[in-house]
N, C-alpha and C. Protein backbone atom coordinates (compact mmCIF):
# COMPACT_ATOMS: atom_id res chain seq x y z
N UNK A 1 63.36 15.05 179.87
CA UNK A 1 62.15 15.28 180.53
C UNK A 1 61.01 16.04 179.72
N UNK A 2 61.93 16.73 179.06
CA UNK A 2 60.83 18.02 178.36
C UNK A 2 60.43 17.36 177.30
N UNK A 3 61.37 16.44 176.85
CA UNK A 3 61.12 15.72 175.37
C UNK A 3 59.51 14.83 175.65
N UNK A 4 59.87 14.05 176.92
CA UNK A 4 58.34 13.23 177.33
C UNK A 4 57.38 14.20 177.34
N UNK A 5 57.41 15.38 178.00
CA UNK A 5 55.95 16.25 178.23
C UNK A 5 55.84 16.88 176.75
N UNK A 6 56.77 16.96 175.82
CA UNK A 6 56.34 17.69 174.39
C UNK A 6 55.61 16.46 173.76
N UNK A 7 56.03 15.05 173.88
CA UNK A 7 55.52 13.65 173.19
C UNK A 7 53.90 13.70 174.09
N UNK A 8 53.89 13.76 175.05
CA UNK A 8 52.69 13.57 175.79
C UNK A 8 51.41 14.67 175.18
N UNK A 9 51.93 16.09 174.99
CA UNK A 9 51.17 17.06 174.73
C UNK A 9 50.81 16.54 173.11
N UNK A 10 51.74 15.77 172.36
CA UNK A 10 51.28 15.46 171.22
C UNK A 10 50.46 14.23 171.01
N UNK A 11 50.12 13.51 171.86
CA UNK A 11 49.46 12.27 172.05
C UNK A 11 50.13 10.86 172.15
N UNK A 12 51.33 10.97 172.11
CA UNK A 12 52.35 9.83 171.97
C UNK A 12 52.92 9.72 173.37
N UNK A 13 52.89 8.47 173.83
CA UNK A 13 53.48 7.98 175.08
C UNK A 13 55.24 7.35 174.91
N UNK A 14 56.00 7.57 176.27
CA UNK A 14 57.15 7.56 176.49
C UNK A 14 57.15 6.87 177.62
N UNK A 15 58.81 6.09 177.62
CA UNK A 15 59.21 5.38 178.68
C UNK A 15 60.46 5.27 178.86
N UNK A 16 61.29 5.56 179.84
CA UNK A 16 62.89 5.53 179.86
C UNK A 16 62.98 3.81 180.18
N UNK A 17 63.95 3.63 179.28
CA UNK A 17 64.32 1.90 179.09
C UNK A 17 65.39 1.66 179.89
N UNK A 18 65.38 0.69 180.91
CA UNK A 18 66.52 0.38 181.85
C UNK A 18 67.27 -1.19 181.25
N UNK A 19 68.30 -1.23 181.90
CA UNK A 19 68.75 -2.48 181.76
C UNK A 19 69.17 -2.84 180.15
N UNK A 20 69.60 -1.84 179.70
CA UNK A 20 70.26 -1.99 178.13
C UNK A 20 71.63 -2.28 177.90
N UNK A 21 71.90 -2.82 176.85
CA UNK A 21 72.84 -3.12 176.47
C UNK A 21 74.13 -2.03 175.47
N UNK A 22 74.71 -1.17 175.81
CA UNK A 22 75.35 -0.32 174.95
C UNK A 22 75.95 -0.91 173.68
N UNK A 23 76.61 -2.34 173.34
CA UNK A 23 76.81 -2.75 172.37
C UNK A 23 75.81 -3.22 171.57
N UNK A 24 74.29 -3.28 172.03
CA UNK A 24 73.40 -3.80 171.05
C UNK A 24 72.97 -2.27 170.14
N UNK A 25 73.53 -1.14 170.58
CA UNK A 25 72.97 0.06 170.02
C UNK A 25 74.24 0.38 169.19
N UNK A 26 75.42 -0.27 169.07
CA UNK A 26 76.57 -0.14 168.27
C UNK A 26 75.97 -1.11 166.82
N UNK A 27 75.25 -2.46 167.11
CA UNK A 27 74.83 -2.97 165.86
C UNK A 27 73.49 -2.77 165.47
N UNK A 28 72.33 -2.31 166.06
CA UNK A 28 71.54 -1.68 165.84
C UNK A 28 71.41 -0.31 165.07
N UNK A 29 72.16 0.71 165.57
CA UNK A 29 71.92 2.02 164.78
C UNK A 29 73.06 2.39 164.64
N UNK A 30 74.41 1.47 164.41
CA UNK A 30 75.64 2.34 164.11
C UNK A 30 76.06 3.22 164.84
N UNK A 31 76.04 3.21 166.24
CA UNK A 31 76.39 4.33 167.14
C UNK A 31 78.14 4.03 167.24
N UNK A 32 78.92 4.98 167.19
CA UNK A 32 80.42 4.54 167.50
C UNK A 32 80.72 5.09 168.94
N UNK A 33 80.68 4.08 169.78
CA UNK A 33 81.33 4.07 171.32
C UNK A 33 82.48 4.86 171.53
N UNK A 34 82.83 5.02 170.54
CA UNK A 34 84.35 5.80 171.03
C UNK A 34 84.03 7.08 170.72
N UNK A 35 83.23 7.44 170.17
CA UNK A 35 82.94 9.01 169.96
C UNK A 35 81.55 9.27 171.16
N UNK A 36 80.64 8.50 170.88
CA UNK A 36 79.38 8.55 171.89
C UNK A 36 79.31 7.96 173.08
N UNK A 37 78.69 8.83 173.97
CA UNK A 37 78.26 7.66 175.25
C UNK A 37 76.63 7.74 175.50
N UNK A 38 76.52 6.69 175.12
CA UNK A 38 74.80 6.35 175.20
C UNK A 38 74.68 6.73 176.95
N UNK A 39 73.73 7.65 177.23
CA UNK A 39 73.47 7.45 178.65
C UNK A 39 71.93 7.07 179.15
N UNK A 40 70.82 7.14 177.96
CA UNK A 40 69.41 6.45 178.44
C UNK A 40 69.08 6.55 176.58
N UNK A 41 67.80 5.42 177.06
CA UNK A 41 67.19 4.71 175.94
C UNK A 41 65.96 5.36 176.21
N UNK A 42 65.22 6.02 175.47
CA UNK A 42 63.93 6.81 175.56
C UNK A 42 63.21 5.91 174.36
N UNK A 43 61.85 5.45 174.84
CA UNK A 43 61.04 4.87 173.98
C UNK A 43 60.03 5.48 173.71
N UNK A 44 59.52 5.81 172.44
CA UNK A 44 58.24 6.82 172.13
C UNK A 44 57.45 6.23 170.80
N UNK A 45 56.39 6.08 171.02
CA UNK A 45 55.27 5.40 170.35
C UNK A 45 53.77 5.80 170.66
N UNK A 46 52.73 5.11 169.87
CA UNK A 46 51.28 5.27 170.08
C UNK A 46 51.36 4.17 171.15
N UNK A 47 50.25 4.73 171.74
CA UNK A 47 49.60 3.63 172.97
C UNK A 47 48.39 2.77 172.10
N UNK A 48 48.47 1.38 172.77
CA UNK A 48 47.44 0.71 172.14
C UNK A 48 46.35 0.36 173.05
N UNK A 49 46.37 1.42 174.08
CA UNK A 49 45.48 1.40 175.14
C UNK A 49 45.91 0.99 176.53
N UNK A 50 45.36 0.75 177.63
CA UNK A 50 45.98 0.54 178.69
C UNK A 50 46.71 -0.97 179.04
N UNK A 51 47.32 -1.22 179.83
CA UNK A 51 48.09 -2.90 179.82
C UNK A 51 46.64 -3.66 180.36
N UNK A 52 46.74 -4.66 180.06
CA UNK A 52 46.01 -5.61 180.82
C UNK A 52 46.79 -6.37 182.15
N UNK A 53 47.96 -7.03 181.79
CA UNK A 53 48.98 -7.35 182.79
C UNK A 53 49.67 -6.51 183.51
N UNK A 54 50.00 -6.63 184.32
CA UNK A 54 50.95 -5.70 185.65
C UNK A 54 51.98 -7.11 186.18
N UNK A 55 52.84 -6.16 185.84
CA UNK A 55 54.03 -7.09 186.28
C UNK A 55 55.01 -6.48 187.48
N UNK A 56 54.46 -5.20 187.96
CA UNK A 56 55.41 -4.66 188.63
C UNK A 56 54.62 -4.80 190.08
N UNK A 57 55.35 -4.82 191.05
CA UNK A 57 54.75 -5.17 192.65
C UNK A 57 54.58 -3.16 193.17
N UNK A 58 53.45 -2.95 193.53
CA UNK A 58 53.05 -1.99 194.22
C UNK A 58 54.06 -1.70 195.47
N UNK A 59 53.85 -0.39 195.99
CA UNK A 59 54.83 -0.16 197.38
C UNK A 59 54.14 -0.65 198.36
N UNK A 60 53.00 -1.00 198.77
CA UNK A 60 52.50 -1.60 199.83
C UNK A 60 53.14 -3.22 199.80
N UNK A 61 53.34 -3.73 198.99
CA UNK A 61 53.89 -4.98 198.72
C UNK A 61 55.35 -4.93 199.76
N UNK A 62 56.00 -3.96 199.44
CA UNK A 62 57.55 -3.86 200.29
C UNK A 62 57.58 -3.34 201.61
N UNK A 63 56.42 -2.07 201.61
CA UNK A 63 56.37 -1.22 202.67
C UNK A 63 55.74 -1.94 203.66
N UNK A 64 55.99 -2.11 205.06
CA UNK A 64 55.30 -2.41 206.31
C UNK A 64 55.25 -1.13 207.17
N UNK A 65 53.73 -1.23 207.30
CA UNK A 65 53.17 0.01 208.36
C UNK A 65 53.20 -0.25 209.94
N UNK A 66 53.53 -0.04 210.53
CA UNK A 66 53.59 0.03 211.73
C UNK A 66 54.25 0.20 213.11
């Protein structure tokens, strides 16, 4: 979380990636899964502006008040 705060202070956007495959990390980055256990994948980059499409539901879609 601290790394994400530092990136934001420097004008970078971050996001934690979910549903990733550790085997792909071995292929792409040469990480030895016998030695290291990857727990989180953090995306860091410059923003291109606000997203134009939404693909997540809001909380009101699932929560029924009453």
